[in-house]
Amino acid sequence: MSKLRHFFQRLGWLKPDPPEAAEPSKPFLEELKAELRKRLVGYSATLIFGAIGLIFFLMGGYIVYDWIQDTKDRRRNFHEVCIDGYVLDTYEGTAVENAMVFIEGNSEWTDQSNTSGYFRICINIPKTQATVNLTIEKAGYIRQYYHQVSVPDNPHTEKNIQHFNLTNVKNVEDEPFPH
């Protein structure tokens, strides 16, 4: 026991007995139990807080990993497409200036037709999606909904430009249907 006692004293776990100790020394095992009990409280607190820290670290790492994977999937499964079109008056066949064009489901995807009636909306959609729904409106015209407008696969060309008609309210009152 004395070699074991000497070992724990060198570690600093047990204090050496002073030669002039007034009280009798405790048995070695009791002294060792008391010292272990004191140290166990400190070690268990460190272990608990370390485990909690490790859990938060791993959760943060998983969140970052998931975000990176989601970004990769978005790039792989989505692509940007542009819908080009002309807004024309149904009866006169002329360009409608400043008509608002919306893509259904997202107010950010908006454009306004220019002086020649041309507009372009670029959006990110899933690669499997081939159509979108458009709404075109302007004061003095009847709001038009276009369902399943085709989305071009290739870049801007003249054949990709689509024509959309708006009906003027005064023309509807005069003549219900164009001939």
Protein backbone atom coordinates (compact mmCIF):
# COMPACT_ATOMS: atom_id res chain seq x y z
CA MET A 1 0.00 0.00 0.00
CA SER A 2 2.83 2.37 0.65
CA LYS A 3 3.95 2.33 -3.00
CA LEU A 4 0.37 3.09 -4.13
CA ARG A 5 0.11 5.83 -1.49
CA HIS A 6 3.42 7.27 -2.66
CA PHE A 7 2.18 7.20 -6.30
CA PHE A 8 -1.03 9.13 -5.45
CA GLN A 9 0.99 11.60 -3.38
CA ARG A 10 3.21 12.28 -6.37
CA LEU A 11 0.12 12.86 -8.52
CA GLY A 12 -1.08 15.35 -5.93
CA TRP A 13 -4.17 13.41 -5.05
CA LEU A 14 -3.03 12.60 -1.54
CA LYS A 15 -1.17 14.91 0.77
CA PRO A 16 1.84 13.49 2.57
CA ASP A 17 1.42 13.05 6.28
CA PRO A 18 3.22 15.74 8.22
CA PRO A 19 5.53 14.24 10.83
CA GLU A 20 3.95 16.21 13.68
CA ALA A 21 0.33 15.33 12.81
CA ALA A 22 -1.79 15.53 15.92
CA GLU A 23 -4.66 13.48 14.61
CA PRO A 24 -4.20 9.91 13.61
CA SER A 25 -4.00 9.38 9.88
CA LYS A 26 -7.06 7.95 8.17
CA PRO A 27 -6.84 4.58 6.59
CA PHE A 28 -5.55 4.79 3.05
CA LEU A 29 -8.76 3.60 1.37
CA GLU A 30 -10.95 6.13 3.19
CA GLU A 31 -8.60 8.94 2.28
CA LEU A 32 -8.54 7.78 -1.34
CA LYS A 33 -12.37 7.57 -1.46
CA ALA A 34 -12.73 11.11 -0.08
CA GLU A 35 -10.22 12.47 -2.59
CA LEU A 36 -11.89 10.63 -5.48
CA ARG A 37 -15.31 11.94 -4.40
CA LYS A 38 -14.01 15.53 -4.49
CA ARG A 39 -12.41 15.07 -7.87
CA LEU A 40 -15.38 13.18 -9.28
CA VAL A 41 -17.64 16.21 -8.82
CA GLY A 42 -15.25 18.38 -10.82
CA TYR A 43 -14.68 15.76 -13.49
CA SER A 44 -18.37 14.97 -13.91
CA ALA A 45 -19.24 18.66 -14.33
CA THR A 46 -16.50 18.98 -16.94
CA LEU A 47 -17.73 15.85 -18.66
CA ILE A 48 -21.36 17.03 -18.70
CA PHE A 49 -20.53 20.49 -20.06
CA GLY A 50 -18.14 18.95 -22.56
CA ALA A 51 -20.86 16.58 -23.79
CA ILE A 52 -23.34 19.46 -24.13
CA GLY A 53 -20.74 21.48 -26.04
CA LEU A 54 -20.00 18.54 -28.30
CA ILE A 55 -23.71 18.10 -29.05
CA PHE A 56 -24.08 21.77 -30.00
CA PHE A 57 -20.92 21.60 -32.10
CA LEU A 58 -22.20 18.55 -33.98
CA MET A 59 -25.64 20.12 -34.49
CA GLY A 60 -24.03 23.25 -35.90
CA GLY A 61 -21.86 21.15 -38.18
CA TYR A 62 -24.89 19.24 -39.42
CA ILE A 63 -26.80 22.46 -40.11
CA VAL A 64 -23.89 23.82 -42.17
CA TYR A 65 -23.51 20.48 -43.98
CA ASP A 66 -27.24 20.36 -44.75
CA TRP A 67 -27.17 23.95 -46.03
CA ILE A 68 -24.25 23.14 -48.34
CA GLN A 69 -26.01 20.02 -49.66
CA ASP A 70 -29.24 21.99 -50.19
CA THR A 71 -27.33 24.63 -52.14
CA LYS A 72 -25.73 21.94 -54.32
CA ASP A 73 -29.14 20.32 -54.92
CA ARG A 74 -30.63 23.68 -55.86
CA ARG A 75 -27.92 24.28 -58.42
CA ARG A 76 -28.30 20.76 -59.75
CA ASN A 77 -32.11 20.70 -59.90
CA PHE A 78 -32.98 24.34 -60.69
CA HIS A 79 -32.08 26.56 -63.60
CA GLU A 80 -32.71 30.14 -64.61
CA VAL A 81 -34.96 30.70 -67.59
CA CYS A 82 -36.21 33.88 -69.21
CA ILE A 83 -39.67 34.35 -70.66
CA ASP A 84 -39.72 36.93 -73.45
CA GLY A 85 -42.94 38.31 -74.80
CA TYR A 86 -44.90 41.12 -76.36
CA VAL A 87 -48.08 42.55 -74.89
CA LEU A 88 -50.44 43.54 -77.70
CA ASP A 89 -53.85 45.16 -77.80
CA THR A 90 -56.35 42.51 -78.92
CA TYR A 91 -58.32 44.78 -81.27
CA GLU A 92 -55.71 47.18 -82.59
CA GLY A 93 -52.72 44.83 -82.65
CA THR A 94 -50.48 47.56 -81.24
CA ALA A 95 -48.00 47.27 -78.41
CA VAL A 96 -49.31 47.93 -74.89
CA GLU A 97 -46.85 50.04 -72.93
CA ASN A 98 -46.31 49.70 -69.14
CA ALA A 99 -48.41 46.56 -68.72
CA MET A 100 -47.47 44.72 -65.51
CA VAL A 101 -46.50 41.07 -65.98
CA PHE A 102 -46.50 38.77 -62.94
CA ILE A 103 -45.55 35.14 -62.49
CA GLU A 104 -48.10 33.40 -60.31
CA GLY A 105 -46.90 32.51 -56.85
CA ASN A 106 -44.11 35.05 -56.45
CA SER A 107 -44.50 38.81 -56.47
CA GLU A 108 -40.74 39.29 -56.96
CA TRP A 109 -40.96 37.93 -60.50
CA THR A 110 -42.42 40.99 -62.14
CA ASP A 111 -41.66 43.03 -65.21
CA GLN A 112 -43.24 45.87 -67.09
CA SER A 113 -43.63 46.03 -70.85
CA ASN A 114 -41.58 48.78 -72.49
CA THR A 115 -42.70 51.23 -75.18
CA SER A 116 -42.70 48.51 -77.83
CA GLY A 117 -44.69 46.14 -75.58
CA TYR A 118 -41.70 43.86 -74.96
CA PHE A 119 -41.00 42.31 -71.55
CA ARG A 120 -38.58 39.77 -70.12
CA ILE A 121 -38.88 37.87 -66.83
CA CYS A 122 -36.01 35.68 -65.65
CA ILE A 123 -36.78 33.16 -62.92
CA ASN A 124 -35.30 30.11 -61.20
CA ILE A 125 -37.54 27.07 -61.56
CA PRO A 126 -37.06 23.31 -61.24
CA LYS A 127 -35.57 21.75 -64.35
CA THR A 128 -38.58 19.46 -64.62
CA GLN A 129 -41.05 22.37 -64.78
CA ALA A 130 -41.92 23.29 -68.36
CA THR A 131 -44.65 25.90 -67.81
CA VAL A 132 -45.55 28.85 -65.57
CA ASN A 133 -48.72 30.87 -65.05
CA LEU A 134 -48.66 34.56 -65.99
CA THR A 135 -50.93 37.45 -65.11
CA ILE A 136 -50.86 40.61 -67.21
CA GLU A 137 -52.69 43.75 -66.17
CA LYS A 138 -52.90 47.42 -67.01
CA ALA A 139 -55.36 50.16 -66.13
CA GLY A 140 -58.08 50.39 -68.76
CA TYR A 141 -57.60 46.77 -69.85
CA ILE A 142 -59.13 43.53 -68.65
CA ARG A 143 -56.73 41.54 -66.49
CA GLN A 144 -55.59 38.44 -68.37
CA TYR A 145 -54.45 35.13 -66.91
CA TYR A 146 -52.27 32.87 -69.02
CA HIS A 147 -52.00 29.35 -67.68
CA GLN A 148 -49.16 27.01 -68.58
CA VAL A 149 -47.04 29.43 -70.57
CA SER A 150 -44.18 27.38 -72.00
CA VAL A 151 -40.69 28.05 -70.70
CA PRO A 152 -37.96 27.99 -73.37
CA ASP A 153 -35.10 25.53 -72.91
CA ASN A 154 -32.63 27.41 -75.05
CA PRO A 155 -31.36 30.98 -74.76
CA HIS A 156 -33.12 34.02 -76.19
CA THR A 157 -34.00 33.71 -79.86
CA GLU A 158 -36.61 35.37 -82.01
CA LYS A 159 -38.78 32.23 -82.04
CA ASN A 160 -38.91 32.16 -78.23
CA ILE A 161 -40.77 35.48 -78.03
CA GLN A 162 -44.41 34.85 -77.17
CA HIS A 163 -47.35 37.17 -77.85
CA PHE A 164 -49.93 38.01 -75.18
CA ASN A 165 -53.10 39.95 -75.90
CA LEU A 166 -54.81 42.44 -73.60
CA THR A 167 -58.36 43.54 -74.27
CA ASN A 168 -59.17 47.22 -73.85
CA VAL A 169 -62.27 47.80 -71.72
CA LYS A 170 -63.78 50.36 -74.14
CA ASN A 171 -63.41 47.89 -77.03
CA VAL A 172 -65.28 45.22 -75.07
CA GLU A 173 -68.21 47.59 -74.60
CA ASP A 174 -68.25 48.47 -78.33
CA GLU A 175 -67.63 45.04 -79.82
CA PRO A 176 -67.66 41.91 -77.63
CA PHE A 177 -65.40 39.72 -79.79
CA PRO A 178 -62.71 40.57 -82.33
CA HIS A 179 -63.26 39.31 -85.88
